[in-house]
PDB file of all heavy atoms in Angstrom:
ATOM      1  N   ARG A   1       0.829  -1.199   0.000  1.00  0.00           N
ATOM      2  CA  ARG A   1       0.000   0.000   0.000  1.00  0.00           C
ATOM      3  C   ARG A   1       0.869   1.256   0.000  1.00  0.00           C
ATOM      4  O   ARG A   1       2.025   1.223   0.421  1.00  0.00           O
ATOM      5  CB  ARG A   1      -0.909   0.007   1.229  1.00  0.00           C
ATOM      6  CG  ARG A   1      -1.872  -1.170   1.291  1.00  0.00           C
ATOM      7  CD  ARG A   1      -2.718  -1.105   2.544  1.00  0.00           C
ATOM      8  NE  ARG A   1      -3.737  -2.159   2.563  1.00  0.00           N
ATOM      9  CZ  ARG A   1      -4.723  -2.236   3.460  1.00  0.00           C
ATOM     10  NH1 ARG A   1      -4.812  -1.290   4.402  1.00  0.00           N
ATOM     11  NH2 ARG A   1      -5.603  -3.197   3.410  1.00  0.00           N
ATOM     12  N   SER A   2       0.286   2.348  -0.463  1.00  0.00           N
ATOM     13  CA  SER A   2       0.982   3.637  -0.432  1.00  0.00           C
ATOM     14  C   SER A   2       0.852   4.221   0.968  1.00  0.00           C
ATOM     15  O   SER A   2      -0.236   4.639   1.378  1.00  0.00           O
ATOM     16  CB  SER A   2       0.376   4.597  -1.448  1.00  0.00           C
ATOM     17  OG  SER A   2       0.820   5.924  -1.205  1.00  0.00           O
ATOM     18  N   GLU A   3       1.944   4.235   1.716  1.00  0.00           N
ATOM     19  CA  GLU A   3       1.909   4.754   3.079  1.00  0.00           C
ATOM     20  C   GLU A   3       1.605   6.251   3.094  1.00  0.00           C
ATOM     21  O   GLU A   3       0.927   6.744   3.995  1.00  0.00           O
ATOM     22  CB  GLU A   3       3.246   4.479   3.789  1.00  0.00           C
ATOM     23  CG  GLU A   3       3.550   2.989   3.981  1.00  0.00           C
ATOM     24  CD  GLU A   3       2.516   2.302   4.832  1.00  0.00           C
ATOM     25  OE1 GLU A   3       1.989   2.946   5.775  1.00  0.00           O
ATOM     26  OE2 GLU A   3       2.202   1.120   4.562  1.00  0.00           O
ATOM     27  N   HIS A   4       2.109   6.965   2.107  1.00  0.00           N
ATOM     28  CA  HIS A   4       1.856   8.409   2.051  1.00  0.00           C
ATOM     29  C   HIS A   4       0.369   8.683   1.859  1.00  0.00           C
ATOM     30  O   HIS A   4      -0.224   9.501   2.581  1.00  0.00           O
ATOM     31  CB  HIS A   4       2.663   9.033   0.908  1.00  0.00           C
ATOM     32  CG  HIS A   4       2.567  10.521   0.862  1.00  0.00           C
ATOM     33  ND1 HIS A   4       3.427  11.349   1.557  1.00  0.00           N
ATOM     34  CD2 HIS A   4       1.706  11.353   0.212  1.00  0.00           C
ATOM     35  CE1 HIS A   4       3.100  12.613   1.344  1.00  0.00           C
ATOM     36  NE2 HIS A   4       2.064  12.640   0.525  1.00  0.00           N
ATOM     37  N   ASN A   5      -0.242   8.014   0.897  1.00  0.00           N
ATOM     38  CA  ASN A   5      -1.658   8.239   0.659  1.00  0.00           C
ATOM     39  C   ASN A   5      -2.519   7.751   1.807  1.00  0.00           C
ATOM     40  O   ASN A   5      -3.555   8.343   2.119  1.00  0.00           O
ATOM     41  CB  ASN A   5      -2.083   7.588  -0.658  1.00  0.00           C
ATOM     42  CG  ASN A   5      -1.561   8.352  -1.861  1.00  0.00           C
ATOM     43  OD1 ASN A   5      -1.192   9.519  -1.754  1.00  0.00           O
ATOM     44  ND2 ASN A   5      -1.504   7.703  -3.005  1.00  0.00           N
ATOM     45  N   LEU A   6      -2.111   6.669   2.451  1.00  0.00           N
ATOM     46  CA  LEU A   6      -2.841   6.209   3.633  1.00  0.00           C
ATOM     47  C   LEU A   6      -2.873   7.283   4.711  1.00  0.00           C
ATOM     48  O   LEU A   6      -3.879   7.454   5.402  1.00  0.00           O
ATOM     49  CB  LEU A   6      -2.210   4.933   4.198  1.00  0.00           C
ATOM     50  CG  LEU A   6      -2.669   3.613   3.577  1.00  0.00           C
ATOM     51  CD1 LEU A   6      -1.833   2.459   4.122  1.00  0.00           C
ATOM     52  CD2 LEU A   6      -4.151   3.363   3.860  1.00  0.00           C
ATOM     53  N   ASN A   7      -1.777   8.032   4.843  1.00  0.00           N
ATOM     54  CA  ASN A   7      -1.773   9.106   5.839  1.00  0.00           C
ATOM     55  C   ASN A   7      -2.790  10.186   5.479  1.00  0.00           C
ATOM     56  O   ASN A   7      -3.466  10.728   6.351  1.00  0.00           O
ATOM     57  CB  ASN A   7      -0.371   9.705   5.967  1.00  0.00           C
ATOM     58  CG  ASN A   7      -0.247  10.616   7.178  1.00  0.00           C
ATOM     59  OD1 ASN A   7      -0.762  10.312   8.257  1.00  0.00           O
ATOM     60  ND2 ASN A   7       0.425  11.731   7.022  1.00  0.00           N
ATOM     61  N   TYR A   8      -2.913  10.507   4.184  1.00  0.00           N
ATOM     62  CA  TYR A   8      -3.965  11.441   3.763  1.00  0.00           C
ATOM     63  C   TYR A   8      -5.346  10.900   4.152  1.00  0.00           C
ATOM     64  O   TYR A   8      -6.167  11.609   4.732  1.00  0.00           O
ATOM     65  CB  TYR A   8      -3.949  11.626   2.245  1.00  0.00           C
ATOM     66  CG  TYR A   8      -2.819  12.442   1.671  1.00  0.00           C
ATOM     67  CD1 TYR A   8      -2.425  12.266   0.341  1.00  0.00           C
ATOM     68  CD2 TYR A   8      -2.161  13.427   2.407  1.00  0.00           C
ATOM     69  CE1 TYR A   8      -1.417  13.021  -0.227  1.00  0.00           C
ATOM     70  CE2 TYR A   8      -1.142  14.175   1.854  1.00  0.00           C
ATOM     71  CZ  TYR A   8      -0.767  13.970   0.539  1.00  0.00           C
ATOM     72  OH  TYR A   8       0.238  14.720  -0.025  1.00  0.00           O
ATOM     73  N   TRP A   9      -5.596   9.655   3.766  1.00  0.00           N
ATOM     74  CA  TRP A   9      -6.936   9.086   3.940  1.00  0.00           C
ATOM     75  C   TRP A   9      -7.294   8.866   5.405  1.00  0.00           C
ATOM     76  O   TRP A   9      -8.472   8.794   5.755  1.00  0.00           O
ATOM     77  CB  TRP A   9      -7.037   7.779   3.148  1.00  0.00           C
ATOM     78  CG  TRP A   9      -6.905   7.993   1.668  1.00  0.00           C
ATOM     79  CD1 TRP A   9      -7.407   9.042   0.934  1.00  0.00           C
ATOM     80  CD2 TRP A   9      -6.218   7.167   0.737  1.00  0.00           C
ATOM     81  NE1 TRP A   9      -7.062   8.908  -0.382  1.00  0.00           N
ATOM     82  CE2 TRP A   9      -6.338   7.771  -0.546  1.00  0.00           C
ATOM     83  CE3 TRP A   9      -5.504   5.968   0.848  1.00  0.00           C
ATOM     84  CZ2 TRP A   9      -5.789   7.213  -1.693  1.00  0.00           C
ATOM     85  CZ3 TRP A   9      -4.951   5.413  -0.292  1.00  0.00           C
ATOM     86  CH2 TRP A   9      -5.097   6.036  -1.549  1.00  0.00           C
ATOM     87  N   GLN A  10      -6.292   8.741   6.266  1.00  0.00           N
ATOM     88  CA  GLN A  10      -6.562   8.596   7.694  1.00  0.00           C
ATOM     89  C   GLN A  10      -6.478   9.935   8.426  1.00  0.00           C
ATOM     90  O   GLN A  10      -6.359   9.973   9.642  1.00  0.00           O
ATOM     91  CB  GLN A  10      -5.597   7.568   8.294  1.00  0.00           C
ATOM     92  CG  GLN A  10      -5.858   6.161   7.763  1.00  0.00           C
ATOM     93  CD  GLN A  10      -4.829   5.142   8.225  1.00  0.00           C
ATOM     94  OE1 GLN A  10      -3.731   5.497   8.673  1.00  0.00           O
ATOM     95  NE2 GLN A  10      -5.188   3.874   8.131  1.00  0.00           N
ATOM     96  N   PHE A  11      -6.539  11.023   7.670  1.00  0.00           N
ATOM     97  CA  PHE A  11      -6.590  12.379   8.213  1.00  0.00           C
ATOM     98  C   PHE A  11      -5.322  12.723   8.987  1.00  0.00           C
ATOM     99  O   PHE A  11      -5.346  13.400  10.012  1.00  0.00           O
ATOM    100  CB  PHE A  11      -7.823  12.562   9.105  1.00  0.00           C
ATOM    101  CG  PHE A  11      -8.311  13.988   9.189  1.00  0.00           C
ATOM    102  CD1 PHE A  11      -8.661  14.685   8.050  1.00  0.00           C
ATOM    103  CD2 PHE A  11      -8.419  14.627  10.403  1.00  0.00           C
ATOM    104  CE1 PHE A  11      -9.122  15.995   8.128  1.00  0.00           C
ATOM    105  CE2 PHE A  11      -8.868  15.943  10.492  1.00  0.00           C
ATOM    106  CZ  PHE A  11      -9.220  16.626   9.351  1.00  0.00           C
ATOM    107  N   GLY A  12      -4.183  12.241   8.451  1.00  0.00           N
ATOM    108  CA  GLY A  12      -2.904  12.614   9.036  1.00  0.00           C
ATOM    109  C   GLY A  12      -2.519  14.020   8.623  1.00  0.00           C
ATOM    110  O   GLY A  12      -3.214  14.697   7.857  1.00  0.00           O
ATOM    111  N   ASP A  13      -1.385  14.484   9.130  1.00  0.00           N
ATOM    112  CA  ASP A  13      -0.884  15.824   8.814  1.00  0.00           C
ATOM    113  C   ASP A  13       0.148  15.751   7.701  1.00  0.00           C
ATOM    114  O   ASP A  13       0.790  14.712   7.494  1.00  0.00           O
ATOM    115  CB  ASP A  13      -0.231  16.455  10.050  1.00  0.00           C
ATOM    116  CG  ASP A  13      -1.248  17.000  11.041  1.00  0.00           C
ATOM    117  OD1 ASP A  13      -2.448  17.044  10.702  1.00  0.00           O
ATOM    118  OD2 ASP A  13      -0.843  17.373  12.153  1.00  0.00           O
ATOM    119  N   TYR A  14       0.348  16.871   7.012  1.00  0.00           N
ATOM    120  CA  TYR A  14       1.375  16.932   5.975  1.00  0.00           C
ATOM    121  C   TYR A  14       1.782  18.379   5.738  1.00  0.00           C
ATOM    122  O   TYR A  14       0.952  19.289   5.751  1.00  0.00           O
ATOM    123  CB  TYR A  14       0.901  16.288   4.665  1.00  0.00           C
ATOM    124  CG  TYR A  14      -0.469  16.714   4.198  1.00  0.00           C
ATOM    125  CD1 TYR A  14      -0.624  17.724   3.240  1.00  0.00           C
ATOM    126  CD2 TYR A  14      -1.614  16.114   4.719  1.00  0.00           C
ATOM    127  CE1 TYR A  14      -1.874  18.114   2.817  1.00  0.00           C
ATOM    128  CE2 TYR A  14      -2.876  16.510   4.303  1.00  0.00           C
ATOM    129  CZ  TYR A  14      -2.998  17.505   3.353  1.00  0.00           C
ATOM    130  OH  TYR A  14      -4.249  17.909   2.936  1.00  0.00           O
ATOM    131  N   LEU A  15       3.077  18.551   5.562  1.00  0.00           N
ATOM    132  CA  LEU A  15       3.615  19.821   5.111  1.00  0.00           C
ATOM    133  C   LEU A  15       3.549  19.849   3.593  1.00  0.00           C
ATOM    134  O   LEU A  15       3.762  18.822   2.938  1.00  0.00           O
ATOM    135  CB  LEU A  15       5.072  19.986   5.558  1.00  0.00           C
ATOM    136  CG  LEU A  15       5.356  20.053   7.054  1.00  0.00           C
ATOM    137  CD1 LEU A  15       6.862  20.030   7.295  1.00  0.00           C
ATOM    138  CD2 LEU A  15       4.743  21.302   7.668  1.00  0.00           C
ATOM    139  N   GLY A  16       3.290  21.030   3.022  1.00  0.00           N
ATOM    140  CA  GLY A  16       3.271  21.167   1.571  1.00  0.00           C
ATOM    141  C   GLY A  16       4.227  22.258   1.141  1.00  0.00           C
ATOM    142  O   GLY A  16       4.103  23.406   1.569  1.00  0.00           O
ATOM    143  N   ILE A  17       5.234  21.895   0.329  1.00  0.00           N
ATOM    144  CA  ILE A  17       6.181  22.883  -0.173  1.00  0.00           C
ATOM    145  C   ILE A  17       6.179  22.858  -1.694  1.00  0.00           C
ATOM    146  O   ILE A  17       5.962  21.816  -2.311  1.00  0.00           O
ATOM    147  CB  ILE A  17       7.609  22.667   0.381  1.00  0.00           C
ATOM    148  CG1 ILE A  17       8.177  21.319  -0.062  1.00  0.00           C
ATOM    149  CG2 ILE A  17       7.621  22.773   1.905  1.00  0.00           C
ATOM    150  CD1 ILE A  17       9.665  21.124   0.285  1.00  0.00           C
ATOM    151  N   GLY A  18       6.409  24.027  -2.293  1.00  0.00           N
ATOM    152  CA  GLY A  18       6.401  24.140  -3.742  1.00  0.00           C
ATOM    153  C   GLY A  18       5.211  24.965  -4.209  1.00  0.00           C
ATOM    154  O   GLY A  18       4.250  25.205  -3.457  1.00  0.00           O
ATOM    155  N   ALA A  19       5.260  25.401  -5.453  1.00  0.00           N
ATOM    156  CA  ALA A  19       4.203  26.249  -6.016  1.00  0.00           C
ATOM    157  C   ALA A  19       2.869  25.519  -6.007  1.00  0.00           C
ATOM    158  O   ALA A  19       2.729  24.463  -6.616  1.00  0.00           O
ATOM    159  CB  ALA A  19       4.581  26.660  -7.437  1.00  0.00           C
ATOM    160  N   GLY A  20       1.889  26.087  -5.312  1.00  0.00           N
ATOM    161  CA  GLY A  20       0.562  25.500  -5.254  1.00  0.00           C
ATOM    162  C   GLY A  20       0.408  24.353  -4.281  1.00  0.00           C
ATOM    163  O   GLY A  20      -0.683  23.770  -4.184  1.00  0.00           O
ATOM    164  N   ALA A  21       1.456  24.003  -3.531  1.00  0.00           N
ATOM    165  CA  ALA A  21       1.376  22.876  -2.593  1.00  0.00           C
ATOM    166  C   ALA A  21       0.470  23.218  -1.420  1.00  0.00           C
ATOM    167  O   ALA A  21       0.443  24.352  -0.936  1.00  0.00           O
ATOM    168  CB  ALA A  21       2.764  22.512  -2.087  1.00  0.00           C
ATOM    169  N   HIS A  22      -0.263  22.216  -0.948  1.00  0.00           N
ATOM    170  CA  HIS A  22      -1.154  22.367   0.196  1.00  0.00           C
ATOM    171  C   HIS A  22      -0.620  21.555   1.373  1.00  0.00           C
ATOM    172  O   HIS A  22      -0.011  20.504   1.185  1.00  0.00           O
ATOM    173  CB  HIS A  22      -2.563  21.884  -0.144  1.00  0.00           C
ATOM    174  CG  HIS A  22      -3.334  22.837  -1.005  1.00  0.00           C
ATOM    175  ND1 HIS A  22      -4.529  23.400  -0.611  1.00  0.00           N
ATOM    176  CD2 HIS A  22      -3.069  23.346  -2.233  1.00  0.00           C
ATOM    177  CE1 HIS A  22      -4.974  24.214  -1.558  1.00  0.00           C
ATOM    178  NE2 HIS A  22      -4.106  24.190  -2.565  1.00  0.00           N
ATOM    179  N   GLY A  23      -0.876  22.033   2.570  1.00  0.00           N
ATOM    180  CA  GLY A  23      -0.509  21.312   3.776  1.00  0.00           C
ATOM    181  C   GLY A  23      -1.648  21.337   4.778  1.00  0.00           C
ATOM    182  O   GLY A  23      -2.593  22.129   4.666  1.00  0.00           O
ATOM    183  N   LYS A  24      -1.584  20.456   5.748  1.00  0.00           N
ATOM    184  CA  LYS A  24      -2.562  20.390   6.846  1.00  0.00           C
ATOM    185  C   LYS A  24      -1.791  20.094   8.118  1.00  0.00           C
ATOM    186  O   LYS A  24      -1.095  19.072   8.195  1.00  0.00           O
ATOM    187  CB  LYS A  24      -3.602  19.311   6.581  1.00  0.00           C
ATOM    188  CG  LYS A  24      -4.453  18.951   7.802  1.00  0.00           C
ATOM    189  CD  LYS A  24      -5.285  17.706   7.545  1.00  0.00           C
ATOM    190  CE  LYS A  24      -5.849  17.135   8.815  1.00  0.00           C
ATOM    191  NZ  LYS A  24      -4.837  16.430   9.652  1.00  0.00           N
TER     192      LYS A  24
END
């Protein structure tokens, strides 16, 4: 499984860097 996407789907946090990147 994609561990990164699982973190999104389980409402984990993420930093977003780069043009147009989103973070939570």
